[in-house]
Amino acid sequence: MLHAVPPVLSQNKELATIDQRHWNAHVSPGEAVFAQRGEGKRLLEQMLRSGAVPQNQSRRKEVFL
């Protein structure tokens, strides 16, 4: 399944790696892939063609602890 890295965390590889580590710990195993060109772009196109993207809408909710 394809999930986008939040824009604030996709600014550079270090932030994307941090997001990946937390995603893997709290959601499910996965790998952050740079998809602007090369193999990552081909993988993104393949995932989009196969429909391996979330089909539901998301809602934003702020939670204060």
Protein backbone atom coordinates (compact mmCIF):
# COMPACT_ATOMS: atom_id res chain seq x y z
CA MET A 1 0.00 0.00 0.00
CA LEU A 2 1.27 3.45 -0.88
CA HIS A 3 1.17 6.23 1.71
CA ALA A 4 2.66 9.69 1.22
CA VAL A 5 5.19 11.02 3.69
CA PRO A 6 3.76 14.21 5.25
CA PRO A 7 5.13 17.27 3.40
CA VAL A 8 6.90 18.66 6.46
CA LEU A 9 8.80 15.35 6.81
CA SER A 10 9.55 14.89 3.12
CA GLN A 11 11.85 17.89 2.84
CA ASN A 12 14.99 15.78 3.09
CA LYS A 13 16.15 12.20 3.49
CA GLU A 14 16.94 12.56 7.20
CA LEU A 15 13.39 13.66 8.05
CA ALA A 16 11.88 10.98 5.80
CA THR A 17 14.02 8.36 7.57
CA ILE A 18 12.75 9.57 10.96
CA ASP A 19 9.17 9.32 9.68
CA GLN A 20 9.89 5.81 8.38
CA ARG A 21 11.28 4.69 11.74
CA HIS A 22 8.19 5.93 13.61
CA TRP A 23 5.80 4.57 10.96
CA ASN A 24 7.44 1.14 11.24
CA ALA A 25 7.25 1.21 15.04
CA HIS A 26 3.64 2.38 15.35
CA VAL A 27 1.81 1.52 12.11
CA SER A 28 3.36 -1.20 9.94
CA PRO A 29 6.61 -2.13 8.20
CA GLY A 30 7.44 0.08 5.25
CA GLU A 31 10.14 1.93 3.38
CA ALA A 32 10.32 5.61 2.45
CA VAL A 33 11.12 5.93 -1.25
CA PHE A 34 12.18 9.08 -3.11
CA ALA A 35 9.74 9.09 -6.04
CA GLN A 36 10.70 12.14 -8.09
CA ARG A 37 12.83 10.19 -10.57
CA GLY A 38 14.47 6.88 -11.33
CA GLU A 39 13.43 3.62 -9.71
CA GLY A 40 11.29 5.39 -7.09
CA LYS A 41 9.27 7.15 -9.78
CA ARG A 42 8.73 3.87 -11.63
CA LEU A 43 7.60 2.22 -8.37
CA LEU A 44 5.19 5.08 -7.68
CA GLU A 45 3.70 4.80 -11.18
CA GLN A 46 3.30 1.03 -10.75
CA MET A 47 1.57 1.44 -7.38
CA LEU A 48 -0.80 4.06 -8.79
CA ARG A 49 -1.67 1.82 -11.77
CA SER A 50 -2.36 -1.15 -9.50
CA GLY A 51 -4.61 0.89 -7.20
CA ALA A 52 -2.40 0.31 -4.14
CA VAL A 53 -3.35 3.68 -2.67
CA PRO A 54 -5.74 4.51 0.16
CA GLN A 55 -9.29 4.94 -1.15
CA ASN A 56 -10.74 6.63 1.92
CA GLN A 57 -10.69 10.29 2.80
CA SER A 58 -8.77 11.44 5.82
CA ARG A 59 -9.71 14.02 8.39
CA ARG A 60 -7.33 16.18 10.33
CA LYS A 61 -7.73 16.28 14.08
CA GLU A 62 -5.60 18.09 16.60
CA VAL A 63 -4.95 16.30 19.86
CA PHE A 64 -3.45 18.02 22.86
CA LEU A 65 -1.74 15.98 25.53
